PDB file of N, CA and C in Angstrom:
ATOM      1  N   UNK A   1      -4.864  20.560 -38.934  1.00  0.00           N
ATOM      2  CA  UNK A   1      -4.936  21.586 -37.916  1.00  0.00           C
ATOM      3  C   UNK A   1      -3.527  22.076 -37.618  1.00  0.00           C
ATOM      4  N   UNK A   2      -3.382  23.386 -37.526  1.00  0.00           N
ATOM      5  CA  UNK A   2      -2.063  23.955 -37.269  1.00  0.00           C
ATOM      6  C   UNK A   2      -1.699  23.823 -35.790  1.00  0.00           C
ATOM      7  N   UNK A   3      -0.398  23.990 -35.517  1.00  0.00           N
ATOM      8  CA  UNK A   3       0.062  23.921 -34.123  1.00  0.00           C
ATOM      9  C   UNK A   3      -0.544  25.040 -33.281  1.00  0.00           C
ATOM     10  N   UNK A   4      -0.764  26.191 -33.898  1.00  0.00           N
ATOM     11  CA  UNK A   4      -1.368  27.310 -33.163  1.00  0.00           C
ATOM     12  C   UNK A   4      -2.782  26.948 -32.717  1.00  0.00           C
ATOM     13  N   UNK A   5      -3.525  26.277 -33.575  1.00  0.00           N
ATOM     14  CA  UNK A   5      -4.892  25.879 -33.217  1.00  0.00           C
ATOM     15  C   UNK A   5      -4.873  24.822 -32.118  1.00  0.00           C
ATOM     16  N   UNK A   6      -3.871  23.938 -32.117  1.00  0.00           N
ATOM     17  CA  UNK A   6      -3.769  22.949 -31.048  1.00  0.00           C
ATOM     18  C   UNK A   6      -3.500  23.621 -29.714  1.00  0.00           C
ATOM     19  N   UNK A   7      -2.676  24.655 -29.713  1.00  0.00           N
ATOM     20  CA  UNK A   7      -2.419  25.400 -28.486  1.00  0.00           C
ATOM     21  C   UNK A   7      -3.661  26.116 -27.994  1.00  0.00           C
ATOM     22  N   UNK A   8      -4.444  26.648 -28.924  1.00  0.00           N
ATOM     23  CA  UNK A   8      -5.689  27.309 -28.555  1.00  0.00           C
ATOM     24  C   UNK A   8      -6.674  26.297 -27.972  1.00  0.00           C
ATOM     25  N   UNK A   9      -6.730  25.123 -28.556  1.00  0.00           N
ATOM     26  CA  UNK A   9      -7.631  24.086 -28.052  1.00  0.00           C
ATOM     27  C   UNK A   9      -7.247  23.673 -26.620  1.00  0.00           C
ATOM     28  N   UNK A  10      -5.959  23.507 -26.358  1.00  0.00           N
ATOM     29  CA  UNK A  10      -5.500  23.163 -25.010  1.00  0.00           C
ATOM     30  C   UNK A  10      -5.817  24.300 -24.039  1.00  0.00           C
ATOM     31  N   UNK A  11      -5.605  25.537 -24.468  1.00  0.00           N
ATOM     32  CA  UNK A  11      -5.891  26.692 -23.626  1.00  0.00           C
ATOM     33  C   UNK A  11      -7.381  26.748 -23.286  1.00  0.00           C
ATOM     34  N   UNK A  12      -8.232  26.557 -24.308  1.00  0.00           N
ATOM     35  CA  UNK A  12      -9.682  26.577 -24.080  1.00  0.00           C
ATOM     36  C   UNK A  12     -10.116  25.432 -23.165  1.00  0.00           C
ATOM     37  N   UNK A  13      -9.521  24.251 -23.355  1.00  0.00           N
ATOM     38  CA  UNK A  13      -9.886  23.114 -22.511  1.00  0.00           C
ATOM     39  C   UNK A  13      -9.553  23.409 -21.055  1.00  0.00           C
ATOM     40  N   UNK A  14      -8.396  24.008 -20.812  1.00  0.00           N
ATOM     41  CA  UNK A  14      -8.052  24.331 -19.425  1.00  0.00           C
ATOM     42  C   UNK A  14      -8.999  25.368 -18.845  1.00  0.00           C
ATOM     43  N   UNK A  15      -9.403  26.336 -19.636  1.00  0.00           N
ATOM     44  CA  UNK A  15     -10.308  27.365 -19.122  1.00  0.00           C
ATOM     45  C   UNK A  15     -11.691  26.795 -18.840  1.00  0.00           C
ATOM     46  N   UNK A  16     -12.223  25.988 -19.751  1.00  0.00           N
ATOM     47  CA  UNK A  16     -13.552  25.411 -19.537  1.00  0.00           C
ATOM     48  C   UNK A  16     -13.560  24.432 -18.366  1.00  0.00           C
ATOM     49  N   UNK A  17     -12.522  23.613 -18.258  1.00  0.00           N
ATOM     50  CA  UNK A  17     -12.475  22.692 -17.124  1.00  0.00           C
ATOM     51  C   UNK A  17     -12.315  23.455 -15.817  1.00  0.00           C
ATOM     52  N   UNK A  18     -11.550  24.539 -15.827  1.00  0.00           N
ATOM     53  CA  UNK A  18     -11.387  25.342 -14.610  1.00  0.00           C
ATOM     54  C   UNK A  18     -12.723  25.941 -14.176  1.00  0.00           C
ATOM     55  N   UNK A  19     -13.525  26.386 -15.111  1.00  0.00           N
ATOM     56  CA  UNK A  19     -14.841  26.939 -14.777  1.00  0.00           C
ATOM     57  C   UNK A  19     -15.723  25.863 -14.169  1.00  0.00           C
ATOM     58  N   UNK A  20     -15.753  24.675 -14.788  1.00  0.00           N
ATOM     59  CA  UNK A  20     -16.583  23.602 -14.245  1.00  0.00           C
ATOM     60  C   UNK A  20     -16.091  23.166 -12.862  1.00  0.00           C
ATOM     61  N   UNK A  21     -14.786  23.061 -12.701  1.00  0.00           N
ATOM     62  CA  UNK A  21     -14.232  22.672 -11.406  1.00  0.00           C
ATOM     63  C   UNK A  21     -14.622  23.672 -10.326  1.00  0.00           C
ATOM     64  N   UNK A  22     -14.562  24.958 -10.647  1.00  0.00           N
ATOM     65  CA  UNK A  22     -14.920  25.988  -9.665  1.00  0.00           C
ATOM     66  C   UNK A  22     -16.407  25.932  -9.327  1.00  0.00           C
ATOM     67  N   UNK A  23     -17.261  25.773 -10.333  1.00  0.00           N
ATOM     68  CA  UNK A  23     -18.709  25.704 -10.088  1.00  0.00           C
ATOM     69  C   UNK A  23     -19.045  24.465  -9.257  1.00  0.00           C
ATOM     70  N   UNK A  24     -18.467  23.341  -9.585  1.00  0.00           N
ATOM     71  CA  UNK A  24     -18.713  22.107  -8.831  1.00  0.00           C
ATOM     72  C   UNK A  24     -18.269  22.278  -7.378  1.00  0.00           C
ATOM     73  N   UNK A  25     -17.057  22.778  -7.196  1.00  0.00           N
ATOM     74  CA  UNK A  25     -16.515  22.923  -5.844  1.00  0.00           C
ATOM     75  C   UNK A  25     -17.377  23.854  -5.002  1.00  0.00           C
ATOM     76  N   UNK A  26     -17.763  24.989  -5.565  1.00  0.00           N
ATOM     77  CA  UNK A  26     -18.601  25.939  -4.831  1.00  0.00           C
ATOM     78  C   UNK A  26     -19.961  25.329  -4.516  1.00  0.00           C
ATOM     79  N   UNK A  27     -20.532  24.591  -5.467  1.00  0.00           N
ATOM     80  CA  UNK A  27     -21.835  23.946  -5.240  1.00  0.00           C
ATOM     81  C   UNK A  27     -21.748  22.904  -4.133  1.00  0.00           C
ATOM     82  N   UNK A  28     -20.750  22.069  -4.172  1.00  0.00           N
ATOM     83  CA  UNK A  28     -20.585  21.031  -3.150  1.00  0.00           C
ATOM     84  C   UNK A  28     -20.326  21.673  -1.787  1.00  0.00           C
ATOM     85  N   UNK A  29     -19.510  22.702  -1.756  1.00  0.00           N
ATOM     86  CA  UNK A  29     -19.236  23.398  -0.498  1.00  0.00           C
ATOM     87  C   UNK A  29     -20.510  24.018   0.066  1.00  0.00           C
ATOM     88  N   UNK A  30     -21.326  24.615  -0.799  1.00  0.00           N
ATOM     89  CA  UNK A  30     -22.584  25.215  -0.368  1.00  0.00           C
ATOM     90  C   UNK A  30     -23.524  24.157   0.210  1.00  0.00           C
ATOM     91  N   UNK A  31     -23.678  23.038  -0.471  1.00  0.00           N
ATOM     92  CA  UNK A  31     -24.558  21.969   0.014  1.00  0.00           C
ATOM     93  C   UNK A  31     -24.021  21.410   1.325  1.00  0.00           C
ATOM     94  N   UNK A  32     -22.730  21.213   1.411  1.00  0.00           N
ATOM     95  CA  UNK A  32     -22.121  20.666   2.619  1.00  0.00           C
ATOM     96  C   UNK A  32     -22.327  21.596   3.818  1.00  0.00           C
ATOM     97  N   UNK A  33     -22.079  22.887   3.626  1.00  0.00           N
ATOM     98  CA  UNK A  33     -22.217  23.833   4.726  1.00  0.00           C
ATOM     99  C   UNK A  33     -23.682  24.036   5.118  1.00  0.00           C
ATOM    100  N   UNK A  34     -24.567  23.957   4.163  1.00  0.00           N
ATOM    101  CA  UNK A  34     -25.987  24.150   4.415  1.00  0.00           C
ATOM    102  C   UNK A  34     -26.608  22.954   5.133  1.00  0.00           C
ATOM    103  N   UNK A  35     -26.069  21.774   4.909  1.00  0.00           N
ATOM    104  CA  UNK A  35     -26.658  20.558   5.463  1.00  0.00           C
ATOM    105  C   UNK A  35     -26.379  20.385   6.952  1.00  0.00           C
ATOM    106  N   UNK A  36     -25.367  21.021   7.466  1.00  0.00           N
ATOM    107  CA  UNK A  36     -25.060  20.875   8.889  1.00  0.00           C
ATOM    108  C   UNK A  36     -24.230  19.636   9.162  1.00  0.00           C
ATOM    109  N   UNK A  37     -24.645  18.868  10.164  1.00  0.00           N
ATOM    110  CA  UNK A  37     -23.895  17.666  10.538  1.00  0.00           C
ATOM    111  C   UNK A  37     -24.074  16.563   9.507  1.00  0.00           C
ATOM    112  N   UNK A  38     -22.955  16.020   9.069  1.00  0.00           N
ATOM    113  CA  UNK A  38     -22.968  14.925   8.103  1.00  0.00           C
ATOM    114  C   UNK A  38     -22.443  13.682   8.798  1.00  0.00           C
ATOM    115  N   UNK A  39     -23.097  12.575   8.562  1.00  0.00           N
ATOM    116  CA  UNK A  39     -22.534  11.300   8.961  1.00  0.00           C
ATOM    117  C   UNK A  39     -22.234  10.516   7.688  1.00  0.00           C
ATOM    118  N   UNK A  40     -21.527   9.443   7.843  1.00  0.00           N
ATOM    119  CA  UNK A  40     -21.093   8.682   6.673  1.00  0.00           C
ATOM    120  C   UNK A  40     -22.258   8.148   5.835  1.00  0.00           C
ATOM    121  N   UNK A  41     -23.305   7.557   6.421  1.00  0.00           N
ATOM    122  CA  UNK A  41     -24.417   7.080   5.589  1.00  0.00           C
ATOM    123  C   UNK A  41     -25.112   8.193   4.790  1.00  0.00           C
ATOM    124  N   UNK A  42     -25.244   9.375   5.397  1.00  0.00           N
ATOM    125  CA  UNK A  42     -25.863  10.490   4.675  1.00  0.00           C
ATOM    126  C   UNK A  42     -24.986  10.942   3.510  1.00  0.00           C
ATOM    127  N   UNK A  43     -23.680  11.044   3.760  1.00  0.00           N
ATOM    128  CA  UNK A  43     -22.761  11.429   2.695  1.00  0.00           C
ATOM    129  C   UNK A  43     -22.759  10.386   1.584  1.00  0.00           C
ATOM    130  N   UNK A  44     -22.765   9.119   1.952  1.00  0.00           N
ATOM    131  CA  UNK A  44     -22.729   8.050   0.967  1.00  0.00           C
ATOM    132  C   UNK A  44     -23.994   8.039   0.119  1.00  0.00           C
ATOM    133  N   UNK A  45     -25.139   8.278   0.742  1.00  0.00           N
ATOM    134  CA  UNK A  45     -26.396   8.349  -0.011  1.00  0.00           C
ATOM    135  C   UNK A  45     -26.388   9.551  -0.954  1.00  0.00           C
ATOM    136  N   UNK A  46     -25.857  10.670  -0.482  1.00  0.00           N
ATOM    137  CA  UNK A  46     -25.785  11.867  -1.321  1.00  0.00           C
ATOM    138  C   UNK A  46     -24.868  11.642  -2.519  1.00  0.00           C
ATOM    139  N   UNK A  47     -23.701  11.050  -2.277  1.00  0.00           N
ATOM    140  CA  UNK A  47     -22.768  10.787  -3.372  1.00  0.00           C
ATOM    141  C   UNK A  47     -23.264   9.675  -4.292  1.00  0.00           C
ATOM    142  N   UNK A  48     -24.139   8.821  -3.781  1.00  0.00           N
ATOM    143  CA  UNK A  48     -24.665   7.733  -4.592  1.00  0.00           C
ATOM    144  C   UNK A  48     -25.853   8.117  -5.439  1.00  0.00           C
ATOM    145  N   UNK A  49     -26.362   9.330  -5.267  1.00  0.00           N
ATOM    146  CA  UNK A  49     -27.503   9.755  -6.081  1.00  0.00           C
ATOM    147  C   UNK A  49     -27.056   9.943  -7.530  1.00  0.00           C
ATOM    148  N   UNK A  50     -27.952   9.695  -8.481  1.00  0.00           N
ATOM    149  CA  UNK A  50     -27.552   9.781  -9.898  1.00  0.00           C
ATOM    150  C   UNK A  50     -27.028  11.157 -10.308  1.00  0.00           C
ATOM    151  N   UNK A  51     -27.676  12.221  -9.862  1.00  0.00           N
ATOM    152  CA  UNK A  51     -27.229  13.565 -10.255  1.00  0.00           C
ATOM    153  C   UNK A  51     -25.841  13.854  -9.712  1.00  0.00           C
ATOM    154  N   UNK A  52     -25.627  13.546  -8.456  1.00  0.00           N
ATOM    155  CA  UNK A  52     -24.322  13.801  -7.857  1.00  0.00           C
ATOM    156  C   UNK A  52     -23.255  12.889  -8.459  1.00  0.00           C
ATOM    157  N   UNK A  53     -23.641  11.659  -8.781  1.00  0.00           N
ATOM    158  CA  UNK A  53     -22.687  10.746  -9.410  1.00  0.00           C
ATOM    159  C   UNK A  53     -22.221  11.251 -10.765  1.00  0.00           C
ATOM    160  N   UNK A  54     -23.159  11.709 -11.586  1.00  0.00           N
ATOM    161  CA  UNK A  54     -22.799  12.233 -12.912  1.00  0.00           C
ATOM    162  C   UNK A  54     -21.963  13.503 -12.762  1.00  0.00           C
ATOM    163  N   UNK A  55     -22.380  14.392 -11.849  1.00  0.00           N
ATOM    164  CA  UNK A  55     -21.624  15.631 -11.641  1.00  0.00           C
ATOM    165  C   UNK A  55     -20.208  15.329 -11.164  1.00  0.00           C
ATOM    166  N   UNK A  56     -20.056  14.327 -10.310  1.00  0.00           N
ATOM    167  CA  UNK A  56     -18.734  13.983  -9.785  1.00  0.00           C
ATOM    168  C   UNK A  56     -17.869  13.314 -10.846  1.00  0.00           C
ATOM    169  N   UNK A  57     -18.471  12.492 -11.681  1.00  0.00           N
ATOM    170  CA  UNK A  57     -17.707  11.899 -12.788  1.00  0.00           C
ATOM    171  C   UNK A  57     -17.232  12.997 -13.733  1.00  0.00           C
ATOM    172  N   UNK A  58     -18.117  13.941 -14.060  1.00  0.00           N
ATOM    173  CA  UNK A  58     -17.708  15.057 -14.915  1.00  0.00           C
ATOM    174  C   UNK A  58     -16.614  15.892 -14.241  1.00  0.00           C
ATOM    175  N   UNK A  59     -16.720  16.079 -12.925  1.00  0.00           N
ATOM    176  CA  UNK A  59     -15.682  16.781 -12.181  1.00  0.00           C
ATOM    177  C   UNK A  59     -14.353  16.038 -12.291  1.00  0.00           C
ATOM    178  N   UNK A  60     -14.398  14.725 -12.113  1.00  0.00           N
ATOM    179  CA  UNK A  60     -13.169  13.929 -12.165  1.00  0.00           C
ATOM    180  C   UNK A  60     -12.539  13.971 -13.546  1.00  0.00           C
ATOM    181  N   UNK A  61     -13.354  13.819 -14.578  1.00  0.00           N
ATOM    182  CA  UNK A  61     -12.832  13.882 -15.948  1.00  0.00           C
ATOM    183  C   UNK A  61     -12.273  15.278 -16.225  1.00  0.00           C
ATOM    184  N   UNK A  62     -12.991  16.313 -15.798  1.00  0.00           N
ATOM    185  CA  UNK A  62     -12.508  17.677 -15.994  1.00  0.00           C
ATOM    186  C   UNK A  62     -11.199  17.934 -15.268  1.00  0.00           C
ATOM    187  N   UNK A  63     -11.114  17.451 -14.036  1.00  0.00           N
ATOM    188  CA  UNK A  63      -9.885  17.618 -13.263  1.00  0.00           C
ATOM    189  C   UNK A  63      -8.718  16.898 -13.935  1.00  0.00           C
ATOM    190  N   UNK A  64      -8.952  15.685 -14.390  1.00  0.00           N
ATOM    191  CA  UNK A  64      -7.876  14.929 -15.025  1.00  0.00           C
ATOM    192  C   UNK A  64      -7.456  15.557 -16.350  1.00  0.00           C
ATOM    193  N   UNK A  65      -8.413  16.073 -17.122  1.00  0.00           N
ATOM    194  CA  UNK A  65      -8.058  16.774 -18.364  1.00  0.00           C
ATOM    195  C   UNK A  65      -7.272  18.046 -18.062  1.00  0.00           C
ATOM    196  N   UNK A  66      -7.692  18.755 -17.033  1.00  0.00           N
ATOM    197  CA  UNK A  66      -7.009  19.978 -16.632  1.00  0.00           C
ATOM    198  C   UNK A  66      -5.559  19.672 -16.226  1.00  0.00           C
ATOM    199  N   UNK A  67      -5.392  18.638 -15.432  1.00  0.00           N
ATOM    200  CA  UNK A  67      -4.049  18.227 -15.007  1.00  0.00           C
ATOM    201  C   UNK A  67      -3.228  17.770 -16.204  1.00  0.00           C
ATOM    202  N   UNK A  68      -3.833  16.977 -17.079  1.00  0.00           N
ATOM    203  CA  UNK A  68      -3.108  16.454 -18.237  1.00  0.00           C
ATOM    204  C   UNK A  68      -2.566  17.586 -19.104  1.00  0.00           C
ATOM    205  N   UNK A  69      -3.412  18.562 -19.418  1.00  0.00           N
ATOM    206  CA  UNK A  69      -2.971  19.666 -20.280  1.00  0.00           C
ATOM    207  C   UNK A  69      -1.846  20.444 -19.597  1.00  0.00           C
ATOM    208  N   UNK A  70      -1.981  20.712 -18.325  1.00  0.00           N
ATOM    209  CA  UNK A  70      -0.943  21.459 -17.616  1.00  0.00           C
ATOM    210  C   UNK A  70       0.375  20.718 -17.547  1.00  0.00           C
ATOM    211  N   UNK A  71       0.325  19.451 -17.161  1.00  0.00           N
ATOM    212  CA  UNK A  71       1.565  18.665 -17.042  1.00  0.00           C
ATOM    213  C   UNK A  71       2.190  18.453 -18.426  1.00  0.00           C
ATOM    214  N   UNK A  72       1.361  18.168 -19.414  1.00  0.00           N
ATOM    215  CA  UNK A  72       1.871  17.974 -20.767  1.00  0.00           C
ATOM    216  C   UNK A  72       2.588  19.219 -21.266  1.00  0.00           C
ATOM    217  N   UNK A  73       1.998  20.389 -21.059  1.00  0.00           N
ATOM    218  CA  UNK A  73       2.636  21.626 -21.507  1.00  0.00           C
ATOM    219  C   UNK A  73       3.954  21.885 -20.781  1.00  0.00           C
ATOM    220  N   UNK A  74       3.992  21.615 -19.485  1.00  0.00           N
ATOM    221  CA  UNK A  74       5.239  21.794 -18.735  1.00  0.00           C
ATOM    222  C   UNK A  74       6.306  20.834 -19.247  1.00  0.00           C
ATOM    223  N   UNK A  75       5.921  19.579 -19.470  1.00  0.00           N
ATOM    224  CA  UNK A  75       6.897  18.601 -19.965  1.00  0.00           C
ATOM    225  C   UNK A  75       7.398  18.966 -21.357  1.00  0.00           C
ATOM    226  N   UNK A  76       6.503  19.413 -22.216  1.00  0.00           N
ATOM    227  CA  UNK A  76       6.919  19.799 -23.574  1.00  0.00           C
ATOM    228  C   UNK A  76       7.860  21.000 -23.520  1.00  0.00           C
ATOM    229  N   UNK A  77       7.570  21.937 -22.637  1.00  0.00           N
ATOM    230  CA  UNK A  77       8.389  23.152 -22.572  1.00  0.00           C
ATOM    231  C   UNK A  77       9.750  22.931 -21.914  1.00  0.00           C
ATOM    232  N   UNK A  78       9.830  22.048 -20.912  1.00  0.00           N
ATOM    233  CA  UNK A  78      11.039  21.988 -20.098  1.00  0.00           C
ATOM    234  C   UNK A  78      11.832  20.688 -20.185  1.00  0.00           C
ATOM    235  N   UNK A  79      11.269  19.626 -20.703  1.00  0.00           N
ATOM    236  CA  UNK A  79      12.015  18.368 -20.852  1.00  0.00           C
ATOM    237  C   UNK A  79      12.355  18.208 -22.337  1.00  0.00           C
ATOM    238  N   UNK A  80      13.610  18.406 -22.661  1.00  0.00           N
ATOM    239  CA  UNK A  80      14.015  18.404 -24.067  1.00  0.00           C
ATOM    240  C   UNK A  80      14.507  17.050 -24.556  1.00  0.00           C
ATOM    241  N   UNK A  81      14.784  16.122 -23.654  1.00  0.00           N
ATOM    242  CA  UNK A  81      15.175  14.767 -24.042  1.00  0.00           C
ATOM    243  C   UNK A  81      13.880  14.019 -24.376  1.00  0.00           C
ATOM    244  N   UNK A  82      13.739  13.616 -25.635  1.00  0.00           N
ATOM    245  CA  UNK A  82      12.459  13.095 -26.126  1.00  0.00           C
ATOM    246  C   UNK A  82      12.028  11.835 -25.378  1.00  0.00           C
ATOM    247  N   UNK A  83      12.933  10.890 -25.174  1.00  0.00           N
ATOM    248  CA  UNK A  83      12.531   9.633 -24.536  1.00  0.00           C
ATOM    249  C   UNK A  83      12.098   9.865 -23.092  1.00  0.00           C
ATOM    250  N   UNK A  84      12.756  10.797 -22.404  1.00  0.00           N
ATOM    251  CA  UNK A  84      12.384  11.092 -21.025  1.00  0.00           C
ATOM    252  C   UNK A  84      11.027  11.792 -20.973  1.00  0.00           C
ATOM    253  N   UNK A  85      10.806  12.716 -21.895  1.00  0.00           N
ATOM    254  CA  UNK A  85       9.520  13.407 -21.962  1.00  0.00           C
ATOM    255  C   UNK A  85       8.392  12.417 -22.230  1.00  0.00           C
ATOM    256  N   UNK A  86       8.604  11.496 -23.161  1.00  0.00           N
ATOM    257  CA  UNK A  86       7.579  10.493 -23.464  1.00  0.00           C
ATOM    258  C   UNK A  86       7.334   9.561 -22.282  1.00  0.00           C
ATOM    259  N   UNK A  87       8.398   9.192 -21.592  1.00  0.00           N
ATOM    260  CA  UNK A  87       8.252   8.338 -20.412  1.00  0.00           C
ATOM    261  C   UNK A  87       7.442   9.049 -19.324  1.00  0.00           C
ATOM    262  N   UNK A  88       7.762  10.313 -19.072  1.00  0.00           N
ATOM    263  CA  UNK A  88       7.027  11.070 -18.061  1.00  0.00           C
ATOM    264  C   UNK A  88       5.573  11.301 -18.465  1.00  0.00           C
ATOM    265  N   UNK A  89       5.341  11.546 -19.757  1.00  0.00           N
ATOM    266  CA  UNK A  89       3.962  11.727 -20.224  1.00  0.00           C
ATOM    267  C   UNK A  89       3.173  10.430 -20.111  1.00  0.00           C
ATOM    268  N   UNK A  90       3.797   9.309 -20.444  1.00  0.00           N
ATOM    269  CA  UNK A  90       3.122   8.015 -20.321  1.00  0.00           C
ATOM    270  C   UNK A  90       2.821   7.694 -18.860  1.00  0.00           C
ATOM    271  N   UNK A  91       3.772   7.973 -17.978  1.00  0.00           N
ATOM    272  CA  UNK A  91       3.560   7.736 -16.551  1.00  0.00           C
ATOM    273  C   UNK A  91       2.420   8.605 -16.024  1.00  0.00           C
ATOM    274  N   UNK A  92       2.416   9.857 -16.426  1.00  0.00           N
ATOM    275  CA  UNK A  92       1.338  10.765 -16.022  1.00  0.00           C
ATOM    276  C   UNK A  92      -0.004  10.259 -16.530  1.00  0.00           C
ATOM    277  N   UNK A  93      -0.052   9.832 -17.773  1.00  0.00           N
ATOM    278  CA  UNK A  93      -1.294   9.311 -18.340  1.00  0.00           C
ATOM    279  C   UNK A  93      -1.792   8.079 -17.604  1.00  0.00           C
ATOM    280  N   UNK A  94      -0.884   7.188 -17.251  1.00  0.00           N
ATOM    281  CA  UNK A  94      -1.285   5.985 -16.513  1.00  0.00           C
ATOM    282  C   UNK A  94      -1.794   6.316 -15.115  1.00  0.00           C
ATOM    283  N   UNK A  95      -1.130   7.235 -14.440  1.00  0.00           N
ATOM    284  CA  UNK A  95      -1.577   7.637 -13.100  1.00  0.00           C
ATOM    285  C   UNK A  95      -2.949   8.301 -13.173  1.00  0.00           C
ATOM    286  N   UNK A  96      -3.160   9.147 -14.160  1.00  0.00           N
ATOM    287  CA  UNK A  96      -4.457   9.808 -14.307  1.00  0.00           C
ATOM    288  C   UNK A  96      -5.556   8.814 -14.669  1.00  0.00           C
ATOM    289  N   UNK A  97      -5.262   7.861 -15.538  1.00  0.00           N
ATOM    290  CA  UNK A  97      -6.255   6.842 -15.894  1.00  0.00           C
ATOM    291  C   UNK A  97      -6.595   5.971 -14.691  1.00  0.00           C
ATOM    292  N   UNK A  98      -5.595   5.594 -13.920  1.00  0.00           N
ATOM    293  CA  UNK A  98      -5.845   4.804 -12.711  1.00  0.00           C
ATOM    294  C   UNK A  98      -6.671   5.600 -11.709  1.00  0.00           C
ATOM    295  N   UNK A  99      -6.416   6.882 -11.603  1.00  0.00           N
ATOM    296  CA  UNK A  99      -7.194   7.738 -10.701  1.00  0.00           C
ATOM    297  C   UNK A  99      -8.650   7.803 -11.124  1.00  0.00           C
ATOM    298  N   UNK A 100      -8.892   7.916 -12.418  1.00  0.00           N
ATOM    299  CA  UNK A 100     -10.273   7.944 -12.901  1.00  0.00           C
ATOM    300  C   UNK A 100     -10.972   6.619 -12.618  1.00  0.00           C
ATOM    301  N   UNK A 101     -10.301   5.519 -12.815  1.00  0.00           N
ATOM    302  CA  UNK A 101     -10.897   4.216 -12.518  1.00  0.00           C
ATOM    303  C   UNK A 101     -11.213   4.087 -11.031  1.00  0.00           C
ATOM    304  N   UNK A 102     -10.349   4.608 -10.183  1.00  0.00           N
ATOM    305  CA  UNK A 102     -10.583   4.567  -8.743  1.00  0.00           C
ATOM    306  C   UNK A 102     -11.814   5.384  -8.377  1.00  0.00           C
ATOM    307  N   UNK A 103     -11.959   6.564  -8.977  1.00  0.00           N
ATOM    308  CA  UNK A 103     -13.136   7.406  -8.708  1.00  0.00           C
ATOM    309  C   UNK A 103     -14.405   6.706  -9.181  1.00  0.00           C
ATOM    310  N   UNK A 104     -14.366   6.126 -10.365  1.00  0.00           N
ATOM    311  CA  UNK A 104     -15.540   5.419 -10.890  1.00  0.00           C
ATOM    312  C   UNK A 104     -15.910   4.251  -9.993  1.00  0.00           C
ATOM    313  N   UNK A 105     -14.943   3.536  -9.486  1.00  0.00           N
ATOM    314  CA  UNK A 105     -15.205   2.425  -8.582  1.00  0.00           C
ATOM    315  C   UNK A 105     -15.848   2.917  -7.283  1.00  0.00           C
ATOM    316  N   UNK A 106     -15.291   3.992  -6.718  1.00  0.00           N
ATOM    317  CA  UNK A 106     -15.838   4.537  -5.470  1.00  0.00           C
ATOM    318  C   UNK A 106     -17.269   5.027  -5.659  1.00  0.00           C
ATOM    319  N   UNK A 107     -17.540   5.707  -6.755  1.00  0.00           N
ATOM    320  CA  UNK A 107     -18.904   6.174  -7.013  1.00  0.00           C
ATOM    321  C   UNK A 107     -19.853   5.020  -7.277  1.00  0.00           C
ATOM    322  N   UNK A 108     -19.380   3.995  -7.948  1.00  0.00           N
ATOM    323  CA  UNK A 108     -20.207   2.820  -8.184  1.00  0.00           C
ATOM    324  C   UNK A 108     -20.564   2.115  -6.880  1.00  0.00           C
ATOM    325  N   UNK A 109     -19.599   1.987  -5.999  1.00  0.00           N
ATOM    326  CA  UNK A 109     -19.888   1.374  -4.691  1.00  0.00           C
ATOM    327  C   UNK A 109     -20.844   2.229  -3.883  1.00  0.00           C
ATOM    328  N   UNK A 110     -20.689   3.542  -3.948  1.00  0.00           N
ATOM    329  CA  UNK A 110     -21.613   4.427  -3.216  1.00  0.00           C
ATOM    330  C   UNK A 110     -23.023   4.327  -3.783  1.00  0.00           C
ATOM    331  N   UNK A 111     -23.132   4.212  -5.100  1.00  0.00           N
ATOM    332  CA  UNK A 111     -24.452   4.114  -5.733  1.00  0.00           C
ATOM    333  C   UNK A 111     -25.115   2.776  -5.394  1.00  0.00           C
ATOM    334  N   UNK A 112     -24.334   1.705  -5.335  1.00  0.00           N
ATOM    335  CA  UNK A 112     -24.903   0.393  -5.015  1.00  0.00           C
ATOM    336  C   UNK A 112     -25.345   0.298  -3.554  1.00  0.00           C
ATOM    337  N   UNK A 113     -24.644   1.008  -2.690  1.00  0.00           N
ATOM    338  CA  UNK A 113     -24.903   0.854  -1.249  1.00  0.00           C
ATOM    339  C   UNK A 113     -26.030   1.718  -0.728  1.00  0.00           C
ATOM    340  N   UNK A 114     -26.274   2.867  -1.326  1.00  0.00           N
ATOM    341  CA  UNK A 114     -27.306   3.679  -0.690  1.00  0.00           C
ATOM    342  C   UNK A 114     -27.758   4.866  -1.479  1.00  0.00           C
ATOM    343  N   UNK A 115     -27.657   4.807  -2.771  1.00  0.00           N
ATOM    344  CA  UNK A 115     -28.057   5.946  -3.571  1.00  0.00           C
ATOM    345  C   UNK A 115     -29.546   6.007  -3.800  1.00  0.00           C
ATOM    346  N   UNK A 116     -29.927   7.047  -4.552  1.00  0.00           N
ATOM    347  CA  UNK A 116     -31.342   7.264  -4.818  1.00  0.00           C
ATOM    348  C   UNK A 116     -31.853   6.612  -6.041  1.00  0.00           C
TER     349      UNK A 116
END
């Protein structure tokens, strides 16, 4: 695969993840505003439902991919010292992976406590 095709793939990934992120955010905002008063048990049951759990995991993965592509491109374009660029990319990757694990843990606890 040529470098041009890799750039196109990154560009497409950012566009597709941005579309999913926007649709998810608008959907969640609509449900939240339509539901009226929320208390913690109701929110936890809603987030623990299988459909919402899968949608939120996909949102989290999409968000992390979107962030990864953006940060990676900025680092490649502006950090010219190779070891520093690799260190920053590795740090970014570890922070994003830890964030995904945290989201998965939170959704798992919500599903165990009161989901559908």
